[in-house]
Amino acid sequence: MNLIEINREEIVKRVRELADAKKKWHFHFLTPNCIFNNKEKFALILEDEEKKESYVCYFNEQPEELKIFENLLYKRPEDFDSY
């Protein structure tokens, strides 16, 4: 998988756009010690299934943005704008 590295603002913007447009997407969250993670940081990976593009953002700590991704994926609108 070829990952395009982007910053935290951009990954949140992209996931909101995908969810709003009802596009197919999913995400992965990797801890620093995960064998699939090539950096010693937390990784949030967003996969745009229609464009076949994957984005990654690395964090020194567990990202609060993870909650946004979960809420959008599981369609919990009461929490969409709390971050």
N, C-alpha and C. Protein backbone atom coordinates (compact mmCIF):
# COMPACT_ATOMS: atom_id res chain seq x y z
N MET A 1 0.85 -1.17 0.00
CA MET A 1 0.00 0.00 0.00
C MET A 1 0.90 1.24 0.00
N ASN A 2 0.65 2.14 -0.91
CA ASN A 2 1.38 3.40 -1.00
C ASN A 2 0.63 4.45 -0.18
N LEU A 3 1.28 4.97 0.85
CA LEU A 3 0.65 5.95 1.73
C LEU A 3 1.11 7.35 1.41
N ILE A 4 0.15 8.27 1.34
CA ILE A 4 0.44 9.68 1.14
C ILE A 4 0.40 10.33 2.52
N GLU A 5 1.52 10.86 2.97
CA GLU A 5 1.57 11.45 4.31
C GLU A 5 1.00 12.87 4.28
N ILE A 6 0.02 13.12 5.16
CA ILE A 6 -0.61 14.43 5.27
C ILE A 6 -0.69 14.82 6.75
N ASN A 7 -1.01 16.08 7.01
CA ASN A 7 -1.08 16.54 8.40
C ASN A 7 -2.45 16.26 9.01
N ARG A 8 -2.57 16.53 10.31
CA ARG A 8 -3.80 16.18 11.02
C ARG A 8 -5.01 16.97 10.54
N GLU A 9 -4.84 18.23 10.17
CA GLU A 9 -5.97 19.01 9.68
C GLU A 9 -6.47 18.45 8.35
N GLU A 10 -5.54 18.06 7.49
CA GLU A 10 -5.90 17.55 6.16
C GLU A 10 -6.58 16.19 6.25
N ILE A 11 -6.14 15.32 7.14
CA ILE A 11 -6.76 14.00 7.22
C ILE A 11 -8.18 14.11 7.76
N VAL A 12 -8.41 15.03 8.70
CA VAL A 12 -9.77 15.25 9.22
C VAL A 12 -10.65 15.84 8.12
N LYS A 13 -10.12 16.79 7.37
CA LYS A 13 -10.87 17.39 6.26
C LYS A 13 -11.27 16.31 5.24
N ARG A 14 -10.33 15.45 4.89
CA ARG A 14 -10.63 14.41 3.89
C ARG A 14 -11.66 13.41 4.38
N VAL A 15 -11.56 12.99 5.63
CA VAL A 15 -12.53 12.01 6.12
C VAL A 15 -13.93 12.63 6.19
N ARG A 16 -14.02 13.89 6.57
CA ARG A 16 -15.33 14.57 6.59
C ARG A 16 -15.91 14.68 5.17
N GLU A 17 -15.06 15.00 4.20
CA GLU A 17 -15.53 15.09 2.81
C GLU A 17 -16.03 13.74 2.30
N LEU A 18 -15.30 12.69 2.60
CA LEU A 18 -15.72 11.35 2.17
C LEU A 18 -17.04 10.95 2.82
N ALA A 19 -17.16 11.20 4.11
CA ALA A 19 -18.39 10.85 4.82
C ALA A 19 -19.57 11.68 4.32
N ASP A 20 -19.37 12.97 4.14
CA ASP A 20 -20.44 13.85 3.65
C ASP A 20 -20.92 13.44 2.27
N ALA A 21 -19.99 13.00 1.42
CA ALA A 21 -20.33 12.59 0.05
C ALA A 21 -20.79 11.14 -0.02
N LYS A 22 -20.84 10.48 1.13
CA LYS A 22 -21.26 9.08 1.21
C LYS A 22 -20.40 8.16 0.33
N LYS A 23 -19.11 8.47 0.30
CA LYS A 23 -18.15 7.65 -0.43
C LYS A 23 -17.73 6.47 0.44
N LYS A 24 -17.19 5.44 -0.20
CA LYS A 24 -16.71 4.28 0.53
C LYS A 24 -15.30 4.57 1.06
N TRP A 25 -15.12 4.38 2.36
CA TRP A 25 -13.84 4.62 3.00
C TRP A 25 -13.76 3.79 4.26
N HIS A 26 -12.58 3.62 4.75
CA HIS A 26 -12.36 3.01 6.05
C HIS A 26 -11.02 3.50 6.59
N PHE A 27 -10.73 3.14 7.83
CA PHE A 27 -9.48 3.61 8.41
C PHE A 27 -8.82 2.51 9.24
N HIS A 28 -7.55 2.72 9.50
CA HIS A 28 -6.77 1.85 10.36
C HIS A 28 -6.07 2.73 11.39
N PHE A 29 -5.89 2.19 12.56
CA PHE A 29 -5.13 2.89 13.60
C PHE A 29 -4.02 1.96 14.04
N LEU A 30 -2.78 2.41 13.91
CA LEU A 30 -1.62 1.60 14.27
C LEU A 30 -0.89 2.20 15.45
N THR A 31 -0.53 1.36 16.38
CA THR A 31 0.27 1.80 17.52
C THR A 31 1.75 1.79 17.13
N PRO A 32 2.58 2.46 17.90
CA PRO A 32 4.00 2.51 17.55
C PRO A 32 4.68 1.13 17.47
N ASN A 33 4.20 0.16 18.23
CA ASN A 33 4.84 -1.15 18.23
C ASN A 33 4.18 -2.15 17.26
N CYS A 34 3.25 -1.71 16.46
CA CYS A 34 2.58 -2.58 15.48
C CYS A 34 3.58 -2.99 14.39
N ILE A 35 3.56 -4.26 14.00
CA ILE A 35 4.51 -4.74 12.98
C ILE A 35 4.24 -4.14 11.61
N PHE A 36 3.06 -3.60 11.39
CA PHE A 36 2.73 -2.98 10.10
C PHE A 36 3.07 -1.49 10.06
N ASN A 37 3.52 -0.96 11.18
CA ASN A 37 3.84 0.46 11.28
C ASN A 37 5.34 0.65 11.08
N ASN A 38 5.73 1.47 10.11
CA ASN A 38 7.16 1.66 9.84
C ASN A 38 7.78 2.83 10.60
N LYS A 39 7.01 3.44 11.49
CA LYS A 39 7.53 4.53 12.33
C LYS A 39 7.19 4.23 13.78
N GLU A 40 7.94 4.78 14.67
CA GLU A 40 7.68 4.58 16.10
C GLU A 40 6.75 5.66 16.63
N LYS A 41 5.67 5.86 15.92
CA LYS A 41 4.62 6.83 16.28
C LYS A 41 3.27 6.16 16.05
N PHE A 42 2.22 6.79 16.57
CA PHE A 42 0.88 6.33 16.25
C PHE A 42 0.58 6.73 14.81
N ALA A 43 -0.15 5.89 14.10
CA ALA A 43 -0.48 6.18 12.70
C ALA A 43 -1.99 6.04 12.50
N LEU A 44 -2.57 7.04 11.88
CA LEU A 44 -3.98 7.02 11.49
C LEU A 44 -3.99 6.99 9.97
N ILE A 45 -4.55 5.90 9.42
CA ILE A 45 -4.55 5.69 7.97
C ILE A 45 -5.98 5.78 7.47
N LEU A 46 -6.20 6.59 6.46
CA LEU A 46 -7.50 6.77 5.82
C LEU A 46 -7.41 6.20 4.41
N GLU A 47 -8.32 5.28 4.09
CA GLU A 47 -8.35 4.69 2.75
C GLU A 47 -9.61 5.12 2.02
N ASP A 48 -9.42 5.82 0.91
CA ASP A 48 -10.50 6.21 0.00
C ASP A 48 -10.67 5.04 -0.96
N GLU A 49 -11.71 4.24 -0.75
CA GLU A 49 -11.89 3.01 -1.52
C GLU A 49 -12.22 3.26 -2.99
N GLU A 50 -12.87 4.37 -3.28
CA GLU A 50 -13.24 4.65 -4.66
C GLU A 50 -12.06 5.15 -5.48
N LYS A 51 -11.25 6.01 -4.90
CA LYS A 51 -10.07 6.54 -5.61
C LYS A 51 -8.86 5.63 -5.48
N LYS A 52 -8.97 4.64 -4.59
CA LYS A 52 -7.84 3.73 -4.32
C LYS A 52 -6.62 4.52 -3.83
N GLU A 53 -6.88 5.48 -2.95
CA GLU A 53 -5.82 6.29 -2.36
C GLU A 53 -5.81 6.09 -0.84
N SER A 54 -4.62 6.11 -0.28
CA SER A 54 -4.47 5.93 1.16
C SER A 54 -3.62 7.06 1.73
N TYR A 55 -4.06 7.60 2.84
CA TYR A 55 -3.40 8.72 3.48
C TYR A 55 -3.00 8.32 4.90
N VAL A 56 -1.91 8.86 5.38
CA VAL A 56 -1.47 8.56 6.73
C VAL A 56 -1.06 9.85 7.43
N CYS A 57 -1.36 9.90 8.71
CA CYS A 57 -0.91 10.99 9.56
C CYS A 57 -0.29 10.34 10.80
N TYR A 58 0.90 10.79 11.16
CA TYR A 58 1.61 10.24 12.32
C TYR A 58 1.48 11.18 13.51
N PHE A 59 1.41 10.58 14.69
CA PHE A 59 1.21 11.33 15.94
C PHE A 59 2.18 10.82 17.00
N ASN A 60 2.62 11.71 17.85
CA ASN A 60 3.47 11.31 18.98
C ASN A 60 2.65 10.67 20.10
N GLU A 61 1.38 11.03 20.17
CA GLU A 61 0.48 10.51 21.19
C GLU A 61 -0.76 9.96 20.50
N GLN A 62 -1.57 9.18 21.24
CA GLN A 62 -2.80 8.65 20.63
C GLN A 62 -3.66 9.83 20.21
N PRO A 63 -4.04 9.91 18.94
CA PRO A 63 -4.73 11.09 18.43
C PRO A 63 -6.19 11.19 18.87
N GLU A 64 -6.58 12.40 19.25
CA GLU A 64 -7.99 12.67 19.54
C GLU A 64 -8.83 12.54 18.28
N GLU A 65 -8.21 12.74 17.12
CA GLU A 65 -8.92 12.65 15.84
C GLU A 65 -9.50 11.26 15.60
N LEU A 66 -9.00 10.27 16.28
CA LEU A 66 -9.53 8.91 16.15
C LEU A 66 -11.02 8.87 16.45
N LYS A 67 -11.45 9.66 17.41
CA LYS A 67 -12.88 9.72 17.78
C LYS A 67 -13.73 10.25 16.62
N ILE A 68 -13.21 11.22 15.87
CA ILE A 68 -13.93 11.74 14.71
C ILE A 68 -14.13 10.64 13.68
N PHE A 69 -13.07 9.89 13.40
CA PHE A 69 -13.15 8.81 12.43
C PHE A 69 -14.17 7.76 12.85
N GLU A 70 -14.13 7.38 14.13
CA GLU A 70 -15.08 6.39 14.64
C GLU A 70 -16.51 6.89 14.51
N ASN A 71 -16.75 8.13 14.89
CA ASN A 71 -18.10 8.68 14.83
C ASN A 71 -18.62 8.75 13.40
N LEU A 72 -17.78 9.15 12.47
CA LEU A 72 -18.20 9.23 11.07
C LEU A 72 -18.44 7.85 10.48
N LEU A 73 -17.56 6.91 10.78
CA LEU A 73 -17.71 5.56 10.24
C LEU A 73 -18.96 4.89 10.78
N TYR A 74 -19.22 5.06 12.07
CA TYR A 74 -20.37 4.41 12.69
C TYR A 74 -21.59 5.32 12.75
N LYS A 75 -21.52 6.45 12.05
CA LYS A 75 -22.64 7.37 11.87
C LYS A 75 -23.25 7.83 13.19
N ARG A 76 -22.40 8.39 14.04
CA ARG A 76 -22.87 8.94 15.31
C ARG A 76 -22.80 10.46 15.21
N PRO A 77 -23.78 11.09 14.57
CA PRO A 77 -23.70 12.53 14.28
C PRO A 77 -23.63 13.43 15.50
N GLU A 78 -24.06 12.97 16.65
CA GLU A 78 -24.04 13.84 17.82
C GLU A 78 -22.62 14.25 18.20
N ASP A 79 -21.63 13.52 17.73
CA ASP A 79 -20.25 13.81 18.08
C ASP A 79 -19.43 14.39 16.93
N PHE A 80 -20.02 14.57 15.76
CA PHE A 80 -19.25 14.99 14.58
C PHE A 80 -18.53 16.31 14.78
N ASP A 81 -19.15 17.26 15.42
CA ASP A 81 -18.59 18.61 15.49
C ASP A 81 -17.95 18.92 16.84
N SER A 82 -17.74 17.92 17.64
CA SER A 82 -17.20 18.19 18.97
C SER A 82 -15.68 18.28 18.99
N TYR A 83 -15.05 18.19 17.83
CA TYR A 83 -13.59 18.26 17.76
C TYR A 83 -13.14 19.34 16.83
